[in-house]
Amino acid sequence: MIEIKISGRGGQGAVLASQILAAAFFGKGMFVQSFPSFGAERRGAPVSAFLRADTGEITIRYGVQHPDWVVVFDANLLRNPMVMAGVTGKTSLLVNAREGDAPVLPAGQAAFAVDATGIAEELNLRTTSFSIVNTAMVGAFAKATALIDLESVLAAIGELVPVKRDENVESARQAYELVRKVQ
């Protein structure tokens, strides 16, 4: 079973990213669970979404406690203890960070980074407050993890993203090509 925690800020699309990945895994014949967790529902507040995927039926019904992957939409959230809760030496990280910005990561963690904000800004995927980085991050996830192929992710984006579908597909494609291993 693969367990994933996605952390971002309200408005960045973490919940939709979890749904996109769930649809992509489901489209490949896997069983999935996808669920959000958030406190105050407001733009900018920390938000997490969780995903499980497995080739067999998933019968557990509790939150993800020790994720295999943590996907972080805002590198500043790495300082939030809730975001890093449950991370083990086997947890891999994918972080939205600009080229040259070195996010502070736990020693020994396998980590990848992509400038999802830059991609979103270039494609005008933003609200008045935030760049919407969800589709870039799921594209980067596909490449960094090799758990799901890009075409499945793009198909899920086409089904689930309500606006700017072409730009969101392009965002995922660019991030897939630009994600880099940082440690």
N, C-alpha and C. Protein backbone atom coordinates (compact mmCIF):
# COMPACT_ATOMS: atom_id res chain seq x y z
N MET A 1 0.84 -1.18 0.00
CA MET A 1 0.00 0.00 0.00
C MET A 1 0.89 1.24 0.00
N ILE A 2 0.45 2.25 -0.75
CA ILE A 2 1.14 3.53 -0.82
C ILE A 2 0.30 4.53 -0.05
N GLU A 3 0.94 5.26 0.87
CA GLU A 3 0.23 6.29 1.65
C GLU A 3 0.91 7.63 1.39
N ILE A 4 0.09 8.62 1.07
CA ILE A 4 0.59 9.94 0.66
C ILE A 4 -0.11 11.01 1.48
N LYS A 5 0.68 11.99 1.91
CA LYS A 5 0.15 13.17 2.60
C LYS A 5 0.49 14.38 1.74
N ILE A 6 -0.52 15.18 1.44
CA ILE A 6 -0.33 16.40 0.65
C ILE A 6 -0.64 17.58 1.56
N SER A 7 0.31 18.49 1.70
CA SER A 7 0.12 19.65 2.57
C SER A 7 0.31 20.94 1.78
N GLY A 8 -0.62 21.84 1.98
CA GLY A 8 -0.55 23.13 1.31
C GLY A 8 -1.30 24.17 2.12
N ARG A 9 -1.63 25.24 1.47
CA ARG A 9 -2.42 26.30 2.08
C ARG A 9 -3.76 26.36 1.37
N GLY A 10 -4.80 26.69 2.12
CA GLY A 10 -6.13 26.79 1.53
C GLY A 10 -6.10 27.67 0.30
N GLY A 11 -6.55 27.16 -0.82
CA GLY A 11 -6.55 27.90 -2.07
C GLY A 11 -5.52 27.41 -3.06
N GLN A 12 -4.57 26.57 -2.62
CA GLN A 12 -3.54 26.07 -3.53
C GLN A 12 -3.95 24.79 -4.24
N GLY A 13 -5.02 24.15 -3.80
CA GLY A 13 -5.52 22.98 -4.51
C GLY A 13 -5.05 21.64 -3.98
N ALA A 14 -4.70 21.54 -2.70
CA ALA A 14 -4.22 20.28 -2.14
C ALA A 14 -5.30 19.20 -2.18
N VAL A 15 -6.53 19.55 -1.85
CA VAL A 15 -7.61 18.56 -1.84
C VAL A 15 -7.87 18.06 -3.26
N LEU A 16 -7.92 18.96 -4.22
CA LEU A 16 -8.13 18.54 -5.61
C LEU A 16 -6.95 17.70 -6.10
N ALA A 17 -5.74 18.02 -5.69
CA ALA A 17 -4.57 17.22 -6.08
C ALA A 17 -4.72 15.78 -5.60
N SER A 18 -5.20 15.61 -4.38
CA SER A 18 -5.42 14.27 -3.85
C SER A 18 -6.47 13.54 -4.68
N GLN A 19 -7.51 14.24 -5.08
CA GLN A 19 -8.56 13.63 -5.90
C GLN A 19 -8.04 13.27 -7.29
N ILE A 20 -7.19 14.12 -7.86
CA ILE A 20 -6.61 13.84 -9.17
C ILE A 20 -5.75 12.58 -9.10
N LEU A 21 -4.88 12.50 -8.09
CA LEU A 21 -4.04 11.31 -7.95
C LEU A 21 -4.88 10.06 -7.70
N ALA A 22 -5.92 10.19 -6.87
CA ALA A 22 -6.80 9.05 -6.62
C ALA A 22 -7.45 8.58 -7.92
N ALA A 23 -7.92 9.50 -8.74
CA ALA A 23 -8.54 9.14 -10.01
C ALA A 23 -7.52 8.49 -10.95
N ALA A 24 -6.29 8.99 -10.95
CA ALA A 24 -5.25 8.41 -11.79
C ALA A 24 -4.93 6.97 -11.37
N PHE A 25 -4.78 6.75 -10.06
CA PHE A 25 -4.52 5.40 -9.56
C PHE A 25 -5.73 4.49 -9.84
N PHE A 26 -6.93 5.00 -9.60
CA PHE A 26 -8.15 4.22 -9.83
C PHE A 26 -8.26 3.82 -11.30
N GLY A 27 -7.90 4.75 -12.18
CA GLY A 27 -7.93 4.48 -13.61
C GLY A 27 -6.98 3.37 -14.02
N LYS A 28 -5.99 3.11 -13.21
CA LYS A 28 -5.04 2.02 -13.45
C LYS A 28 -5.46 0.74 -12.74
N GLY A 29 -6.67 0.73 -12.20
CA GLY A 29 -7.20 -0.48 -11.59
C GLY A 29 -6.87 -0.66 -10.12
N MET A 30 -6.37 0.39 -9.47
CA MET A 30 -6.02 0.29 -8.06
C MET A 30 -7.20 0.70 -7.18
N PHE A 31 -7.19 0.24 -5.97
CA PHE A 31 -8.14 0.68 -4.95
C PHE A 31 -7.56 1.94 -4.32
N VAL A 32 -8.42 2.91 -4.00
CA VAL A 32 -7.94 4.19 -3.46
C VAL A 32 -8.83 4.68 -2.32
N GLN A 33 -8.24 5.50 -1.48
CA GLN A 33 -8.95 6.32 -0.49
C GLN A 33 -8.35 7.71 -0.60
N SER A 34 -9.17 8.73 -0.59
CA SER A 34 -8.71 10.11 -0.63
C SER A 34 -9.59 10.92 0.30
N PHE A 35 -8.96 11.66 1.22
CA PHE A 35 -9.76 12.43 2.17
C PHE A 35 -8.96 13.64 2.66
N PRO A 36 -9.66 14.77 2.91
CA PRO A 36 -8.99 15.99 3.38
C PRO A 36 -8.99 16.08 4.90
N SER A 37 -8.18 16.99 5.40
CA SER A 37 -8.17 17.34 6.82
C SER A 37 -7.78 18.81 6.93
N PHE A 38 -8.66 19.59 7.51
CA PHE A 38 -8.33 21.01 7.69
C PHE A 38 -9.10 21.56 8.87
N GLY A 39 -8.56 22.62 9.42
CA GLY A 39 -9.20 23.30 10.54
C GLY A 39 -10.06 24.42 10.02
N ALA A 40 -9.64 25.64 10.29
CA ALA A 40 -10.38 26.81 9.83
C ALA A 40 -10.38 26.84 8.31
N GLU A 41 -11.55 26.89 7.72
CA GLU A 41 -11.64 26.89 6.27
C GLU A 41 -11.48 28.31 5.75
N ARG A 42 -10.25 28.67 5.49
CA ARG A 42 -9.98 29.99 4.94
C ARG A 42 -8.74 29.93 4.06
N ARG A 43 -8.69 30.81 3.12
CA ARG A 43 -7.52 30.87 2.24
C ARG A 43 -6.27 31.13 3.07
N GLY A 44 -5.24 30.38 2.76
CA GLY A 44 -3.96 30.57 3.43
C GLY A 44 -3.74 29.70 4.65
N ALA A 45 -4.81 29.14 5.20
CA ALA A 45 -4.66 28.26 6.37
C ALA A 45 -4.08 26.92 5.92
N PRO A 46 -3.26 26.27 6.76
CA PRO A 46 -2.72 24.96 6.39
C PRO A 46 -3.84 23.95 6.14
N VAL A 47 -3.66 23.18 5.09
CA VAL A 47 -4.61 22.15 4.67
C VAL A 47 -3.81 20.89 4.35
N SER A 48 -4.34 19.75 4.72
CA SER A 48 -3.72 18.49 4.31
C SER A 48 -4.77 17.61 3.66
N ALA A 49 -4.32 16.81 2.73
CA ALA A 49 -5.17 15.80 2.10
C ALA A 49 -4.36 14.51 2.09
N PHE A 50 -5.05 13.41 2.19
CA PHE A 50 -4.39 12.13 2.31
C PHE A 50 -4.90 11.19 1.23
N LEU A 51 -4.04 10.28 0.84
CA LEU A 51 -4.37 9.33 -0.21
C LEU A 51 -3.72 7.99 0.09
N ARG A 52 -4.49 6.95 -0.12
CA ARG A 52 -3.97 5.59 -0.09
C ARG A 52 -4.28 4.96 -1.44
N ALA A 53 -3.35 4.14 -1.94
CA ALA A 53 -3.57 3.38 -3.17
C ALA A 53 -2.96 2.01 -2.99
N ASP A 54 -3.67 0.99 -3.46
CA ASP A 54 -3.18 -0.38 -3.33
C ASP A 54 -3.79 -1.23 -4.43
N THR A 55 -3.13 -2.34 -4.73
CA THR A 55 -3.65 -3.26 -5.73
C THR A 55 -4.80 -4.10 -5.17
N GLY A 56 -4.90 -4.17 -3.85
CA GLY A 56 -5.99 -4.90 -3.20
C GLY A 56 -6.90 -3.95 -2.45
N GLU A 57 -8.00 -4.49 -1.98
CA GLU A 57 -8.97 -3.68 -1.25
C GLU A 57 -8.33 -3.06 -0.01
N ILE A 58 -8.65 -1.80 0.25
CA ILE A 58 -8.15 -1.09 1.42
C ILE A 58 -9.24 -1.12 2.49
N THR A 59 -8.97 -1.79 3.60
CA THR A 59 -9.98 -1.95 4.63
C THR A 59 -9.76 -1.08 5.86
N ILE A 60 -8.60 -0.45 5.96
CA ILE A 60 -8.36 0.42 7.11
C ILE A 60 -9.14 1.72 6.93
N ARG A 61 -9.57 2.30 8.04
CA ARG A 61 -10.41 3.49 7.98
C ARG A 61 -9.93 4.59 8.92
N TYR A 62 -8.64 4.72 9.06
CA TYR A 62 -8.10 5.78 9.90
C TYR A 62 -7.12 6.61 9.08
N GLY A 63 -6.71 7.72 9.63
CA GLY A 63 -5.83 8.63 8.92
C GLY A 63 -4.47 8.04 8.62
N VAL A 64 -3.81 8.60 7.66
CA VAL A 64 -2.44 8.20 7.31
C VAL A 64 -1.52 8.65 8.43
N GLN A 65 -0.84 7.69 9.04
CA GLN A 65 0.02 8.02 10.19
C GLN A 65 1.50 8.11 9.82
N HIS A 66 1.96 7.28 8.89
CA HIS A 66 3.36 7.27 8.47
C HIS A 66 3.42 7.22 6.94
N PRO A 67 3.30 8.38 6.31
CA PRO A 67 3.21 8.40 4.85
C PRO A 67 4.50 7.93 4.18
N ASP A 68 4.32 7.32 3.02
CA ASP A 68 5.46 6.96 2.18
C ASP A 68 5.98 8.20 1.46
N TRP A 69 5.06 9.11 1.14
CA TRP A 69 5.39 10.37 0.45
C TRP A 69 4.69 11.52 1.15
N VAL A 70 5.40 12.62 1.30
CA VAL A 70 4.81 13.88 1.74
C VAL A 70 5.04 14.88 0.60
N VAL A 71 3.96 15.46 0.12
CA VAL A 71 4.00 16.44 -0.97
C VAL A 71 3.66 17.79 -0.35
N VAL A 72 4.58 18.75 -0.45
CA VAL A 72 4.43 20.03 0.23
C VAL A 72 4.33 21.15 -0.81
N PHE A 73 3.17 21.82 -0.82
CA PHE A 73 2.89 22.87 -1.80
C PHE A 73 3.56 24.20 -1.47
N ASP A 74 3.97 24.40 -0.23
CA ASP A 74 4.60 25.65 0.23
C ASP A 74 5.75 25.25 1.14
N ALA A 75 6.99 25.49 0.71
CA ALA A 75 8.17 25.06 1.47
C ALA A 75 8.18 25.62 2.89
N ASN A 76 7.53 26.76 3.13
CA ASN A 76 7.47 27.31 4.49
C ASN A 76 6.74 26.37 5.44
N LEU A 77 5.88 25.51 4.91
CA LEU A 77 5.14 24.58 5.75
C LEU A 77 6.02 23.47 6.32
N LEU A 78 7.24 23.32 5.80
CA LEU A 78 8.15 22.30 6.35
C LEU A 78 8.48 22.58 7.80
N ARG A 79 8.32 23.82 8.23
CA ARG A 79 8.58 24.18 9.64
C ARG A 79 7.39 23.87 10.54
N ASN A 80 6.26 23.54 9.95
CA ASN A 80 5.05 23.24 10.71
C ASN A 80 5.13 21.78 11.19
N PRO A 81 5.13 21.56 12.50
CA PRO A 81 5.25 20.18 13.00
C PRO A 81 4.13 19.26 12.52
N MET A 82 2.96 19.79 12.24
CA MET A 82 1.85 18.96 11.77
C MET A 82 2.14 18.41 10.37
N VAL A 83 2.83 19.18 9.56
CA VAL A 83 3.13 18.74 8.20
C VAL A 83 4.11 17.58 8.23
N MET A 84 5.08 17.65 9.12
CA MET A 84 6.11 16.62 9.18
C MET A 84 5.78 15.50 10.16
N ALA A 85 4.62 15.55 10.79
CA ALA A 85 4.22 14.50 11.73
C ALA A 85 4.13 13.16 11.01
N GLY A 86 4.72 12.14 11.60
CA GLY A 86 4.65 10.80 11.05
C GLY A 86 5.72 10.47 10.03
N VAL A 87 6.55 11.46 9.67
CA VAL A 87 7.61 11.21 8.70
C VAL A 87 8.65 10.28 9.32
N THR A 88 9.03 9.27 8.57
CA THR A 88 10.04 8.32 9.01
C THR A 88 11.24 8.40 8.06
N GLY A 89 12.25 7.63 8.32
CA GLY A 89 13.41 7.57 7.44
C GLY A 89 13.08 7.01 6.07
N LYS A 90 11.93 6.37 5.94
CA LYS A 90 11.50 5.81 4.66
C LYS A 90 10.57 6.73 3.88
N THR A 91 10.22 7.86 4.48
CA THR A 91 9.32 8.82 3.82
C THR A 91 10.11 9.65 2.82
N SER A 92 9.60 9.78 1.62
CA SER A 92 10.20 10.65 0.60
C SER A 92 9.39 11.94 0.54
N LEU A 93 10.06 13.01 0.15
CA LEU A 93 9.43 14.33 0.11
C LEU A 93 9.46 14.91 -1.30
N LEU A 94 8.39 15.60 -1.65
CA LEU A 94 8.33 16.40 -2.87
C LEU A 94 7.90 17.79 -2.44
N VAL A 95 8.74 18.78 -2.74
CA VAL A 95 8.53 20.14 -2.25
C VAL A 95 8.47 21.12 -3.41
N ASN A 96 7.54 22.06 -3.32
CA ASN A 96 7.48 23.18 -4.25
C ASN A 96 8.53 24.19 -3.81
N ALA A 97 9.62 24.30 -4.58
CA ALA A 97 10.70 25.23 -4.24
C ALA A 97 11.33 25.73 -5.53
N ARG A 98 11.63 27.00 -5.54
CA ARG A 98 12.28 27.59 -6.72
C ARG A 98 13.70 27.04 -6.87
N GLU A 99 14.17 27.02 -8.10
CA GLU A 99 15.55 26.59 -8.38
C GLU A 99 16.51 27.45 -7.56
N GLY A 100 17.43 26.82 -6.87
CA GLY A 100 18.39 27.54 -6.05
C GLY A 100 17.95 27.72 -4.62
N ASP A 101 16.64 27.67 -4.34
CA ASP A 101 16.17 27.70 -2.96
C ASP A 101 16.33 26.30 -2.40
N ALA A 102 17.04 26.20 -1.32
CA ALA A 102 17.27 24.89 -0.71
C ALA A 102 16.36 24.75 0.50
N PRO A 103 15.25 24.03 0.35
CA PRO A 103 14.39 23.84 1.52
C PRO A 103 15.13 23.04 2.59
N VAL A 104 14.88 23.37 3.84
CA VAL A 104 15.50 22.66 4.95
C VAL A 104 14.72 21.35 5.12
N LEU A 105 15.41 20.25 4.87
CA LEU A 105 14.79 18.94 4.92
C LEU A 105 15.50 18.07 5.94
N PRO A 106 14.79 17.13 6.53
CA PRO A 106 15.45 16.22 7.47
C PRO A 106 16.60 15.48 6.80
N ALA A 107 17.69 15.31 7.51
CA ALA A 107 18.85 14.62 6.98
C ALA A 107 18.48 13.21 6.56
N GLY A 108 18.99 12.82 5.42
CA GLY A 108 18.78 11.46 4.95
C GLY A 108 17.48 11.21 4.22
N GLN A 109 16.60 12.19 4.15
CA GLN A 109 15.32 12.00 3.44
C GLN A 109 15.57 12.05 1.93
N ALA A 110 14.94 11.15 1.20
CA ALA A 110 14.93 11.26 -0.25
C ALA A 110 14.00 12.43 -0.57
N ALA A 111 14.48 13.38 -1.33
CA ALA A 111 13.68 14.58 -1.56
C ALA A 111 13.81 15.05 -3.00
N PHE A 112 12.69 15.58 -3.49
CA PHE A 112 12.61 16.13 -4.83
C PHE A 112 12.00 17.52 -4.73
N ALA A 113 12.33 18.37 -5.70
CA ALA A 113 11.77 19.73 -5.72
C ALA A 113 11.40 20.11 -7.14
N VAL A 114 10.42 20.98 -7.24
CA VAL A 114 10.00 21.54 -8.52
C VAL A 114 9.50 22.95 -8.25
N ASP A 115 9.74 23.84 -9.18
CA ASP A 115 9.24 25.22 -9.05
C ASP A 115 7.81 25.28 -9.57
N ALA A 116 6.89 24.70 -8.81
CA ALA A 116 5.48 24.67 -9.21
C ALA A 116 4.89 26.08 -9.24
N THR A 117 5.35 26.94 -8.34
CA THR A 117 4.85 28.32 -8.33
C THR A 117 5.22 29.04 -9.62
N GLY A 118 6.46 28.88 -10.04
CA GLY A 118 6.90 29.51 -11.29
C GLY A 118 6.11 29.01 -12.49
N ILE A 119 5.86 27.71 -12.53
CA ILE A 119 5.07 27.13 -13.63
C ILE A 119 3.65 27.69 -13.60
N ALA A 120 3.04 27.71 -12.42
CA ALA A 120 1.66 28.21 -12.30
C ALA A 120 1.58 29.69 -12.69
N GLU A 121 2.55 30.47 -12.28
CA GLU A 121 2.54 31.90 -12.62
C GLU A 121 2.71 32.10 -14.12
N GLU A 122 3.59 31.33 -14.74
CA GLU A 122 3.82 31.42 -16.18
C GLU A 122 2.53 31.11 -16.95
N LEU A 123 1.74 30.18 -16.44
CA LEU A 123 0.51 29.76 -17.13
C LEU A 123 -0.73 30.49 -16.61
N ASN A 124 -0.52 31.48 -15.74
CA ASN A 124 -1.61 32.27 -15.16
C ASN A 124 -2.62 31.41 -14.41
N LEU A 125 -2.12 30.46 -13.65
CA LEU A 125 -2.95 29.61 -12.80
C LEU A 125 -2.87 30.17 -11.39
N ARG A 126 -3.70 31.14 -11.11
CA ARG A 126 -3.64 31.79 -9.81
C ARG A 126 -4.96 32.45 -9.46
N THR A 127 -5.09 32.69 -8.16
CA THR A 127 -6.18 33.52 -7.67
C THR A 127 -5.54 34.86 -7.34
N THR A 128 -6.29 35.74 -6.71
CA THR A 128 -5.69 37.01 -6.31
C THR A 128 -4.68 36.80 -5.19
N SER A 129 -4.77 35.70 -4.45
CA SER A 129 -3.90 35.46 -3.30
C SER A 129 -2.78 34.46 -3.55
N PHE A 130 -3.03 33.44 -4.36
CA PHE A 130 -2.10 32.33 -4.48
C PHE A 130 -1.95 31.85 -5.90
N SER A 131 -0.78 31.29 -6.16
CA SER A 131 -0.59 30.49 -7.36
C SER A 131 -1.20 29.13 -7.07
N ILE A 132 -1.92 28.59 -8.01
CA ILE A 132 -2.56 27.28 -7.82
C ILE A 132 -1.61 26.24 -8.41
N VAL A 133 -0.94 25.53 -7.53
CA VAL A 133 0.17 24.66 -7.91
C VAL A 133 -0.20 23.18 -7.97
N ASN A 134 -1.47 22.85 -7.75
CA ASN A 134 -1.85 21.44 -7.62
C ASN A 134 -1.50 20.59 -8.84
N THR A 135 -1.81 21.05 -10.03
CA THR A 135 -1.56 20.21 -11.20
C THR A 135 -0.06 20.09 -11.49
N ALA A 136 0.70 21.13 -11.21
CA ALA A 136 2.16 21.01 -11.34
C ALA A 136 2.69 19.98 -10.36
N MET A 137 2.20 20.00 -9.15
CA MET A 137 2.70 19.07 -8.13
C MET A 137 2.32 17.63 -8.45
N VAL A 138 1.14 17.38 -9.02
CA VAL A 138 0.81 15.99 -9.36
C VAL A 138 1.62 15.52 -10.56
N GLY A 139 1.93 16.41 -11.48
CA GLY A 139 2.83 16.04 -12.59
C GLY A 139 4.21 15.69 -12.08
N ALA A 140 4.73 16.52 -11.16
CA ALA A 140 6.05 16.24 -10.56
C ALA A 140 6.02 14.95 -9.77
N PHE A 141 4.91 14.70 -9.07
CA PHE A 141 4.77 13.47 -8.30
C PHE A 141 4.89 12.25 -9.21
N ALA A 142 4.23 12.29 -10.35
CA ALA A 142 4.29 11.16 -11.29
C ALA A 142 5.73 10.84 -11.67
N LYS A 143 6.53 11.86 -11.95
CA LYS A 143 7.92 11.62 -12.36
C LYS A 143 8.78 11.21 -11.18
N ALA A 144 8.66 11.91 -10.06
CA ALA A 144 9.53 11.64 -8.90
C ALA A 144 9.31 10.24 -8.34
N THR A 145 8.07 9.78 -8.35
CA THR A 145 7.76 8.52 -7.70
C THR A 145 7.77 7.32 -8.64
N ALA A 146 7.47 7.54 -9.90
CA ALA A 146 7.28 6.47 -10.89
C ALA A 146 6.18 5.50 -10.44
N LEU A 147 5.28 5.95 -9.57
CA LEU A 147 4.17 5.11 -9.12
C LEU A 147 2.98 5.16 -10.07
N ILE A 148 2.89 6.24 -10.84
CA ILE A 148 1.78 6.44 -11.76
C ILE A 148 2.34 7.14 -12.99
N ASP A 149 1.78 6.86 -14.15
CA ASP A 149 2.30 7.46 -15.36
C ASP A 149 1.65 8.82 -15.62
N LEU A 150 2.35 9.64 -16.39
CA LEU A 150 1.88 10.99 -16.67
C LEU A 150 0.55 10.97 -17.41
N GLU A 151 0.35 10.06 -18.34
CA GLU A 151 -0.90 10.04 -19.10
C GLU A 151 -2.11 9.81 -18.20
N SER A 152 -1.96 8.98 -17.17
CA SER A 152 -3.07 8.76 -16.23
C SER A 152 -3.37 10.03 -15.45
N VAL A 153 -2.33 10.75 -15.07
CA VAL A 153 -2.51 12.02 -14.35
C VAL A 153 -3.19 13.04 -15.26
N LEU A 154 -2.76 13.12 -16.51
CA LEU A 154 -3.36 14.09 -17.44
C LEU A 154 -4.83 13.77 -17.71
N ALA A 155 -5.14 12.49 -17.81
CA ALA A 155 -6.55 12.10 -18.00
C ALA A 155 -7.39 12.51 -16.80
N ALA A 156 -6.86 12.33 -15.59
CA ALA A 156 -7.58 12.72 -14.38
C ALA A 156 -7.76 14.23 -14.31
N ILE A 157 -6.74 14.98 -14.71
CA ILE A 157 -6.86 16.44 -14.74
C ILE A 157 -7.99 16.83 -15.70
N GLY A 158 -8.02 16.21 -16.88
CA GLY A 158 -9.07 16.49 -17.86
C GLY A 158 -10.46 16.24 -17.32
N GLU A 159 -10.60 15.23 -16.46
CA GLU A 159 -11.90 14.89 -15.88
C GLU A 159 -12.29 15.78 -14.71
N LEU A 160 -11.31 16.16 -13.89
CA LEU A 160 -11.64 16.77 -12.59
C LEU A 160 -11.41 18.27 -12.47
N VAL A 161 -10.54 18.82 -13.28
CA VAL A 161 -10.23 20.25 -13.15
C VAL A 161 -11.31 21.06 -13.85
N PRO A 162 -11.98 21.95 -13.10
CA PRO A 162 -13.15 22.63 -13.66
C PRO A 162 -12.85 23.78 -14.62
N VAL A 163 -11.67 24.39 -14.53
CA VAL A 163 -11.35 25.55 -15.38
C VAL A 163 -9.93 25.44 -15.90
N LYS A 164 -9.66 26.14 -16.99
CA LYS A 164 -8.33 26.21 -17.58
C LYS A 164 -7.69 24.82 -17.73
N ARG A 165 -8.43 23.91 -18.31
CA ARG A 165 -7.93 22.52 -18.44
C ARG A 165 -6.63 22.45 -19.23
N ASP A 166 -6.54 23.16 -20.35
CA ASP A 166 -5.33 23.10 -21.16
C ASP A 166 -4.12 23.61 -20.39
N GLU A 167 -4.30 24.71 -19.67
CA GLU A 167 -3.21 25.26 -18.87
C GLU A 167 -2.80 24.31 -17.74
N ASN A 168 -3.79 23.66 -17.13
CA ASN A 168 -3.49 22.72 -16.06
C ASN A 168 -2.78 21.47 -16.58
N VAL A 169 -3.18 20.99 -17.73
CA VAL A 169 -2.47 19.87 -18.36
C VAL A 169 -1.03 20.27 -18.66
N GLU A 170 -0.84 21.45 -19.21
CA GLU A 170 0.51 21.94 -19.51
C GLU A 170 1.34 22.10 -18.23
N SER A 171 0.71 22.56 -17.17
CA SER A 171 1.39 22.69 -15.88
C SER A 171 1.94 21.34 -15.41
N ALA A 172 1.12 20.30 -15.51
CA ALA A 172 1.57 18.96 -15.11
C ALA A 172 2.70 18.47 -16.00
N ARG A 173 2.57 18.71 -17.30
CA ARG A 173 3.63 18.28 -18.24
C ARG A 173 4.96 18.97 -17.92
N GLN A 174 4.92 20.28 -17.71
CA GLN A 174 6.16 21.01 -17.42
C GLN A 174 6.80 20.54 -16.12
N ALA A 175 5.99 20.36 -15.09
CA ALA A 175 6.53 19.93 -13.80
C ALA A 175 7.12 18.52 -13.91
N TYR A 176 6.49 17.67 -14.69
CA TYR A 176 7.00 16.32 -14.91
C TYR A 176 8.43 16.39 -15.48
N GLU A 177 8.66 17.32 -16.38
CA GLU A 177 9.98 17.46 -16.99
C GLU A 177 10.99 18.17 -16.09
N LEU A 178 10.51 19.05 -15.20
CA LEU A 178 11.42 19.91 -14.44
C LEU A 178 11.71 19.46 -13.01
N VAL A 179 10.99 18.46 -12.50
CA VAL A 179 11.24 18.01 -11.13
C VAL A 179 12.68 17.49 -11.03
N ARG A 180 13.31 17.77 -9.88
CA ARG A 180 14.71 17.37 -9.70
C ARG A 180 14.91 16.77 -8.33
N LYS A 181 15.83 15.83 -8.24
CA LYS A 181 16.18 15.24 -6.96
C LYS A 181 17.11 16.21 -6.24
N VAL A 182 16.84 16.51 -4.98
CA VAL A 182 17.67 17.46 -4.23
C VAL A 182 18.49 16.80 -3.14
N GLN A 183 18.13 15.59 -2.73
CA GLN A 183 18.99 14.84 -1.78
C GLN A 183 18.55 13.41 -1.70
